[in-house]
Amino acid sequence: MLSQKQLLLSHFGVFRKQKQLLLSQKQLLLTHFSVFRKQNELLLSQKQLLLTHFGVFRKQNELLLSQKQLCLLI
């Protein structure tokens, strides 16, 4: 039969392992959040790039329309 001291030491060992597991899970969650943040930053960058492209296409379209109007005037 385990003495009370051995039982307490055994319980503290279990608590220490549980704490280590919780810290590991916390670290994993922080890593996941870091990955999600990077993915979000990438998506925002891609969105900005698409908006820039659409801006360029709009300007090209405006230029083509201006050229067409100029041709119609001539």
PDB file of N, CA and C in Angstrom:
ATOM      1  N   MET A   1       0.843  -1.180   0.000  1.00  0.00           N
ATOM      2  CA  MET A   1       0.000   0.000   0.000  1.00  0.00           C
ATOM      3  C   MET A   1       0.889   1.245   0.000  1.00  0.00           C
ATOM      4  N   LEU A   2       0.510   2.205  -0.832  1.00  0.00           N
ATOM      5  CA  LEU A   2       1.293   3.437  -0.922  1.00  0.00           C
ATOM      6  C   LEU A   2       1.069   4.302   0.315  1.00  0.00           C
ATOM      7  N   SER A   3       2.120   4.899   0.788  1.00  0.00           N
ATOM      8  CA  SER A   3       1.952   5.827   1.902  1.00  0.00           C
ATOM      9  C   SER A   3       1.329   7.117   1.369  1.00  0.00           C
ATOM     10  N   GLN A   4       0.846   7.937   2.281  1.00  0.00           N
ATOM     11  CA  GLN A   4       0.219   9.192   1.864  1.00  0.00           C
ATOM     12  C   GLN A   4       1.222  10.074   1.124  1.00  0.00           C
ATOM     13  N   LYS A   5       2.471  10.078   1.569  1.00  0.00           N
ATOM     14  CA  LYS A   5       3.504  10.877   0.912  1.00  0.00           C
ATOM     15  C   LYS A   5       3.721  10.385  -0.518  1.00  0.00           C
ATOM     16  N   GLN A   6       3.797   9.072  -0.701  1.00  0.00           N
ATOM     17  CA  GLN A   6       3.977   8.525  -2.046  1.00  0.00           C
ATOM     18  C   GLN A   6       2.765   8.831  -2.925  1.00  0.00           C
ATOM     19  N   LEU A   7       1.589   8.770  -2.333  1.00  0.00           N
ATOM     20  CA  LEU A   7       0.366   9.072  -3.068  1.00  0.00           C
ATOM     21  C   LEU A   7       0.348  10.527  -3.513  1.00  0.00           C
ATOM     22  N   LEU A   8       0.731  11.430  -2.595  1.00  0.00           N
ATOM     23  CA  LEU A   8       0.785  12.851  -2.947  1.00  0.00           C
ATOM     24  C   LEU A   8       1.822  13.104  -4.042  1.00  0.00           C
ATOM     25  N   LEU A   9       2.984  12.469  -3.918  1.00  0.00           N
ATOM     26  CA  LEU A   9       4.008  12.637  -4.946  1.00  0.00           C
ATOM     27  C   LEU A   9       3.518  12.119  -6.294  1.00  0.00           C
ATOM     28  N   SER A  10       2.788  11.023  -6.258  1.00  0.00           N
ATOM     29  CA  SER A  10       2.216  10.459  -7.486  1.00  0.00           C
ATOM     30  C   SER A  10       1.211  11.431  -8.105  1.00  0.00           C
ATOM     31  N   HIS A  11       0.365  12.040  -7.260  1.00  0.00           N
ATOM     32  CA  HIS A  11      -0.617  13.009  -7.743  1.00  0.00           C
ATOM     33  C   HIS A  11       0.076  14.234  -8.322  1.00  0.00           C
ATOM     34  N   PHE A  12       1.112  14.714  -7.666  1.00  0.00           N
ATOM     35  CA  PHE A  12       1.842  15.878  -8.180  1.00  0.00           C
ATOM     36  C   PHE A  12       2.500  15.553  -9.521  1.00  0.00           C
ATOM     37  N   GLY A  13       2.972  14.317  -9.651  1.00  0.00           N
ATOM     38  CA  GLY A  13       3.537  13.886 -10.936  1.00  0.00           C
ATOM     39  C   GLY A  13       2.492  13.921 -12.038  1.00  0.00           C
ATOM     40  N   VAL A  14       1.276  13.476 -11.725  1.00  0.00           N
ATOM     41  CA  VAL A  14       0.172  13.507 -12.693  1.00  0.00           C
ATOM     42  C   VAL A  14      -0.169  14.951 -13.040  1.00  0.00           C
ATOM     43  N   PHE A  15      -0.256  15.815 -12.033  1.00  0.00           N
ATOM     44  CA  PHE A  15      -0.577  17.225 -12.283  1.00  0.00           C
ATOM     45  C   PHE A  15       0.496  17.892 -13.132  1.00  0.00           C
ATOM     46  N   ARG A  16       1.759  17.542 -12.875  1.00  0.00           N
ATOM     47  CA  ARG A  16       2.856  18.118 -13.653  1.00  0.00           C
ATOM     48  C   ARG A  16       2.735  17.709 -15.123  1.00  0.00           C
ATOM     49  N   LYS A  17       2.421  16.432 -15.346  1.00  0.00           N
ATOM     50  CA  LYS A  17       2.249  15.940 -16.719  1.00  0.00           C
ATOM     51  C   LYS A  17       1.053  16.622 -17.387  1.00  0.00           C
ATOM     52  N   GLN A  18      -0.050  16.804 -16.640  1.00  0.00           N
ATOM     53  CA  GLN A  18      -1.216  17.480 -17.195  1.00  0.00           C
ATOM     54  C   GLN A  18      -0.872  18.922 -17.554  1.00  0.00           C
ATOM     55  N   LYS A  19      -0.103  19.583 -16.701  1.00  0.00           N
ATOM     56  CA  LYS A  19       0.313  20.962 -16.973  1.00  0.00           C
ATOM     57  C   LYS A  19       1.178  21.014 -18.225  1.00  0.00           C
ATOM     58  N   GLN A  20       2.108  20.076 -18.365  1.00  0.00           N
ATOM     59  CA  GLN A  20       2.961  20.028 -19.560  1.00  0.00           C
ATOM     60  C   GLN A  20       2.114  19.819 -20.809  1.00  0.00           C
ATOM     61  N   LEU A  21       1.104  18.949 -20.706  1.00  0.00           N
ATOM     62  CA  LEU A  21       0.217  18.693 -21.837  1.00  0.00           C
ATOM     63  C   LEU A  21      -0.567  19.954 -22.199  1.00  0.00           C
ATOM     64  N   LEU A  22      -1.087  20.652 -21.190  1.00  0.00           N
ATOM     65  CA  LEU A  22      -1.831  21.877 -21.445  1.00  0.00           C
ATOM     66  C   LEU A  22      -0.936  22.943 -22.082  1.00  0.00           C
ATOM     67  N   LEU A  23       0.295  23.038 -21.607  1.00  0.00           N
ATOM     68  CA  LEU A  23       1.221  23.998 -22.202  1.00  0.00           C
ATOM     69  C   LEU A  23       1.525  23.635 -23.653  1.00  0.00           C
ATOM     70  N   SER A  24       1.669  22.332 -23.917  1.00  0.00           N
ATOM     71  CA  SER A  24       1.898  21.880 -25.292  1.00  0.00           C
ATOM     72  C   SER A  24       0.700  22.203 -26.178  1.00  0.00           C
ATOM     73  N   GLN A  25      -0.503  21.992 -25.654  1.00  0.00           N
ATOM     74  CA  GLN A  25      -1.713  22.303 -26.419  1.00  0.00           C
ATOM     75  C   GLN A  25      -1.823  23.797 -26.666  1.00  0.00           C
ATOM     76  N   LYS A  26      -1.476  24.594 -25.654  1.00  0.00           N
ATOM     77  CA  LYS A  26      -1.497  26.049 -25.810  1.00  0.00           C
ATOM     78  C   LYS A  26      -0.515  26.476 -26.894  1.00  0.00           C
ATOM     79  N   GLN A  27       0.683  25.904 -26.883  1.00  0.00           N
ATOM     80  CA  GLN A  27       1.691  26.229 -27.888  1.00  0.00           C
ATOM     81  C   GLN A  27       1.194  25.845 -29.281  1.00  0.00           C
ATOM     82  N   LEU A  28       0.527  24.695 -29.384  1.00  0.00           N
ATOM     83  CA  LEU A  28      -0.022  24.253 -30.664  1.00  0.00           C
ATOM     84  C   LEU A  28      -1.089  25.223 -31.156  1.00  0.00           C
ATOM     85  N   LEU A  29      -1.960  25.657 -30.253  1.00  0.00           N
ATOM     86  CA  LEU A  29      -2.993  26.629 -30.631  1.00  0.00           C
ATOM     87  C   LEU A  29      -2.372  27.949 -31.078  1.00  0.00           C
ATOM     88  N   LEU A  30      -1.341  28.399 -30.367  1.00  0.00           N
ATOM     89  CA  LEU A  30      -0.677  29.638 -30.764  1.00  0.00           C
ATOM     90  C   LEU A  30      -0.042  29.495 -32.141  1.00  0.00           C
ATOM     91  N   THR A  31       0.523  28.313 -32.406  1.00  0.00           N
ATOM     92  CA  THR A  31       1.101  28.051 -33.728  1.00  0.00           C
ATOM     93  C   THR A  31       0.014  28.091 -34.795  1.00  0.00           C
ATOM     94  N   HIS A  32      -1.137  27.467 -34.512  1.00  0.00           N
ATOM     95  CA  HIS A  32      -2.255  27.476 -35.466  1.00  0.00           C
ATOM     96  C   HIS A  32      -2.730  28.899 -35.715  1.00  0.00           C
ATOM     97  N   PHE A  33      -2.868  29.691 -34.651  1.00  0.00           N
ATOM     98  CA  PHE A  33      -3.315  31.074 -34.823  1.00  0.00           C
ATOM     99  C   PHE A  33      -2.310  31.861 -35.650  1.00  0.00           C
ATOM    100  N   SER A  34      -1.029  31.578 -35.451  1.00  0.00           N
ATOM    101  CA  SER A  34       0.001  32.242 -36.244  1.00  0.00           C
ATOM    102  C   SER A  34      -0.147  31.877 -37.715  1.00  0.00           C
ATOM    103  N   VAL A  35      -0.407  30.602 -37.984  1.00  0.00           N
ATOM    104  CA  VAL A  35      -0.614  30.150 -39.365  1.00  0.00           C
ATOM    105  C   VAL A  35      -1.848  30.831 -39.957  1.00  0.00           C
ATOM    106  N   PHE A  36      -2.949  30.877 -39.200  1.00  0.00           N
ATOM    107  CA  PHE A  36      -4.162  31.508 -39.700  1.00  0.00           C
ATOM    108  C   PHE A  36      -3.932  32.996 -39.962  1.00  0.00           C
ATOM    109  N   ARG A  37      -3.168  33.652 -39.093  1.00  0.00           N
ATOM    110  CA  ARG A  37      -2.885  35.069 -39.289  1.00  0.00           C
ATOM    111  C   ARG A  37      -2.092  35.275 -40.579  1.00  0.00           C
ATOM    112  N   LYS A  38      -1.096  34.410 -40.810  1.00  0.00           N
ATOM    113  CA  LYS A  38      -0.301  34.506 -42.039  1.00  0.00           C
ATOM    114  C   LYS A  38      -1.172  34.248 -43.265  1.00  0.00           C
ATOM    115  N   GLN A  39      -2.082  33.261 -43.175  1.00  0.00           N
ATOM    116  CA  GLN A  39      -2.980  32.986 -44.295  1.00  0.00           C
ATOM    117  C   GLN A  39      -3.885  34.191 -44.553  1.00  0.00           C
ATOM    118  N   ASN A  40      -4.359  34.814 -43.497  1.00  0.00           N
ATOM    119  CA  ASN A  40      -5.205  35.991 -43.628  1.00  0.00           C
ATOM    120  C   ASN A  40      -4.423  37.132 -44.285  1.00  0.00           C
ATOM    121  N   GLU A  41      -3.169  37.328 -43.866  1.00  0.00           N
ATOM    122  CA  GLU A  41      -2.338  38.366 -44.466  1.00  0.00           C
ATOM    123  C   GLU A  41      -2.123  38.076 -45.953  1.00  0.00           C
ATOM    124  N   LEU A  42      -1.911  36.801 -46.288  1.00  0.00           N
ATOM    125  CA  LEU A  42      -1.725  36.423 -47.685  1.00  0.00           C
ATOM    126  C   LEU A  42      -2.991  36.700 -48.493  1.00  0.00           C
ATOM    127  N   LEU A  43      -4.147  36.322 -47.924  1.00  0.00           N
ATOM    128  CA  LEU A  43      -5.403  36.580 -48.620  1.00  0.00           C
ATOM    129  C   LEU A  43      -5.642  38.075 -48.812  1.00  0.00           C
ATOM    130  N   LEU A  44      -5.311  38.871 -47.810  1.00  0.00           N
ATOM    131  CA  LEU A  44      -5.465  40.317 -47.941  1.00  0.00           C
ATOM    132  C   LEU A  44      -4.540  40.856 -49.022  1.00  0.00           C
ATOM    133  N   SER A  45      -3.308  40.320 -49.093  1.00  0.00           N
ATOM    134  CA  SER A  45      -2.367  40.734 -50.129  1.00  0.00           C
ATOM    135  C   SER A  45      -2.901  40.361 -51.512  1.00  0.00           C
ATOM    136  N   GLN A  46      -3.446  39.149 -51.630  1.00  0.00           N
ATOM    137  CA  GLN A  46      -4.012  38.719 -52.910  1.00  0.00           C
ATOM    138  C   GLN A  46      -5.199  39.594 -53.296  1.00  0.00           C
ATOM    139  N   LYS A  47      -6.027  39.943 -52.311  1.00  0.00           N
ATOM    140  CA  LYS A  47      -7.181  40.811 -52.570  1.00  0.00           C
ATOM    141  C   LYS A  47      -6.691  42.171 -53.055  1.00  0.00           C
ATOM    142  N   GLN A  48      -5.665  42.717 -52.403  1.00  0.00           N
ATOM    143  CA  GLN A  48      -5.117  44.011 -52.800  1.00  0.00           C
ATOM    144  C   GLN A  48      -4.567  43.943 -54.221  1.00  0.00           C
ATOM    145  N   LEU A  49      -3.896  42.825 -54.538  1.00  0.00           N
ATOM    146  CA  LEU A  49      -3.349  42.646 -55.876  1.00  0.00           C
ATOM    147  C   LEU A  49      -4.473  42.594 -56.916  1.00  0.00           C
ATOM    148  N   LEU A  50      -5.550  41.859 -56.591  1.00  0.00           N
ATOM    149  CA  LEU A  50      -6.686  41.806 -57.515  1.00  0.00           C
ATOM    150  C   LEU A  50      -7.317  43.178 -57.701  1.00  0.00           C
ATOM    151  N   LEU A  51      -7.460  43.931 -56.617  1.00  0.00           N
ATOM    152  CA  LEU A  51      -8.030  45.276 -56.727  1.00  0.00           C
ATOM    153  C   LEU A  51      -7.142  46.165 -57.591  1.00  0.00           C
ATOM    154  N   THR A  52      -5.820  46.007 -57.456  1.00  0.00           N
ATOM    155  CA  THR A  52      -4.892  46.773 -58.279  1.00  0.00           C
ATOM    156  C   THR A  52      -5.063  46.395 -59.749  1.00  0.00           C
ATOM    157  N   HIS A  53      -5.174  45.092 -60.020  1.00  0.00           N
ATOM    158  CA  HIS A  53      -5.378  44.636 -61.399  1.00  0.00           C
ATOM    159  C   HIS A  53      -6.679  45.186 -61.964  1.00  0.00           C
ATOM    160  N   PHE A  54      -7.754  45.143 -61.168  1.00  0.00           N
ATOM    161  CA  PHE A  54      -9.028  45.673 -61.643  1.00  0.00           C
ATOM    162  C   PHE A  54      -8.913  47.169 -61.902  1.00  0.00           C
ATOM    163  N   GLY A  55      -8.163  47.866 -61.075  1.00  0.00           N
ATOM    164  CA  GLY A  55      -7.939  49.295 -61.294  1.00  0.00           C
ATOM    165  C   GLY A  55      -7.224  49.535 -62.609  1.00  0.00           C
ATOM    166  N   VAL A  56      -6.221  48.711 -62.902  1.00  0.00           N
ATOM    167  CA  VAL A  56      -5.479  48.826 -64.161  1.00  0.00           C
ATOM    168  C   VAL A  56      -6.414  48.534 -65.337  1.00  0.00           C
ATOM    169  N   PHE A  57      -7.216  47.462 -65.232  1.00  0.00           N
ATOM    170  CA  PHE A  57      -8.138  47.117 -66.317  1.00  0.00           C
ATOM    171  C   PHE A  57      -9.160  48.229 -66.537  1.00  0.00           C
ATOM    172  N   ARG A  58      -9.635  48.830 -65.450  1.00  0.00           N
ATOM    173  CA  ARG A  58     -10.600  49.920 -65.578  1.00  0.00           C
ATOM    174  C   ARG A  58      -9.973  51.101 -66.314  1.00  0.00           C
ATOM    175  N   LYS A  59      -8.727  51.432 -65.946  1.00  0.00           N
ATOM    176  CA  LYS A  59      -8.035  52.528 -66.616  1.00  0.00           C
ATOM    177  C   LYS A  59      -7.810  52.217 -68.092  1.00  0.00           C
ATOM    178  N   GLN A  60      -7.438  50.953 -68.397  1.00  0.00           N
ATOM    179  CA  GLN A  60      -7.240  50.564 -69.793  1.00  0.00           C
ATOM    180  C   GLN A  60      -8.550  50.671 -70.564  1.00  0.00           C
ATOM    181  N   ASN A  61      -9.638  50.258 -69.928  1.00  0.00           N
ATOM    182  CA  ASN A  61     -10.946  50.347 -70.559  1.00  0.00           C
ATOM    183  C   ASN A  61     -11.314  51.808 -70.826  1.00  0.00           C
ATOM    184  N   GLU A  62     -11.059  52.682 -69.842  1.00  0.00           N
ATOM    185  CA  GLU A  62     -11.337  54.107 -70.018  1.00  0.00           C
ATOM    186  C   GLU A  62     -10.501  54.674 -71.169  1.00  0.00           C
ATOM    187  N   LEU A  63      -9.242  54.257 -71.250  1.00  0.00           N
ATOM    188  CA  LEU A  63      -8.371  54.717 -72.323  1.00  0.00           C
ATOM    189  C   LEU A  63      -8.884  54.244 -73.681  1.00  0.00           C
ATOM    190  N   LEU A  64      -9.288  52.976 -73.754  1.00  0.00           N
ATOM    191  CA  LEU A  64      -9.818  52.448 -75.011  1.00  0.00           C
ATOM    192  C   LEU A  64     -11.093  53.175 -75.422  1.00  0.00           C
ATOM    193  N   LEU A  65     -11.956  53.471 -74.436  1.00  0.00           N
ATOM    194  CA  LEU A  65     -13.183  54.207 -74.743  1.00  0.00           C
ATOM    195  C   LEU A  65     -12.857  55.619 -75.237  1.00  0.00           C
ATOM    196  N   SER A  66     -11.861  56.245 -74.621  1.00  0.00           N
ATOM    197  CA  SER A  66     -11.441  57.579 -75.051  1.00  0.00           C
ATOM    198  C   SER A  66     -10.899  57.532 -76.467  1.00  0.00           C
ATOM    199  N   GLN A  67     -10.094  56.515 -76.763  1.00  0.00           N
ATOM    200  CA  GLN A  67      -9.525  56.360 -78.102  1.00  0.00           C
ATOM    201  C   GLN A  67     -10.640  56.116 -79.123  1.00  0.00           C
ATOM    202  N   LYS A  68     -11.640  55.324 -78.729  1.00  0.00           N
ATOM    203  CA  LYS A  68     -12.771  55.036 -79.623  1.00  0.00           C
ATOM    204  C   LYS A  68     -13.538  56.317 -79.909  1.00  0.00           C
ATOM    205  N   GLN A  69     -13.787  57.124 -78.867  1.00  0.00           N
ATOM    206  CA  GLN A  69     -14.502  58.380 -79.042  1.00  0.00           C
ATOM    207  C   GLN A  69     -13.703  59.321 -79.944  1.00  0.00           C
ATOM    208  N   LEU A  70     -12.379  59.327 -79.751  1.00  0.00           N
ATOM    209  CA  LEU A  70     -11.521  60.172 -80.575  1.00  0.00           C
ATOM    210  C   LEU A  70     -11.593  59.733 -82.037  1.00  0.00           C
ATOM    211  N   CYS A  71     -11.574  58.408 -82.239  1.00  0.00           N
ATOM    212  CA  CYS A  71     -11.686  57.884 -83.608  1.00  0.00           C
ATOM    213  C   CYS A  71     -13.029  58.252 -84.233  1.00  0.00           C
ATOM    214  N   LEU A  72     -14.090  58.223 -83.440  1.00  0.00           N
ATOM    215  CA  LEU A  72     -15.421  58.576 -83.966  1.00  0.00           C
ATOM    216  C   LEU A  72     -15.488  60.052 -84.327  1.00  0.00           C
ATOM    217  N   LEU A  73     -14.762  60.886 -83.587  1.00  0.00           N
ATOM    218  CA  LEU A  73     -14.745  62.317 -83.885  1.00  0.00           C
ATOM    219  C   LEU A  73     -13.976  62.617 -85.167  1.00  0.00           C
ATOM    220  N   ILE A  74     -12.950  61.798 -85.407  1.00  0.00           N
ATOM    221  CA  ILE A  74     -12.105  62.024 -86.598  1.00  0.00           C
ATOM    222  C   ILE A  74     -12.801  61.462 -87.780  1.00  0.00           C
TER     223      ILE A  74
END
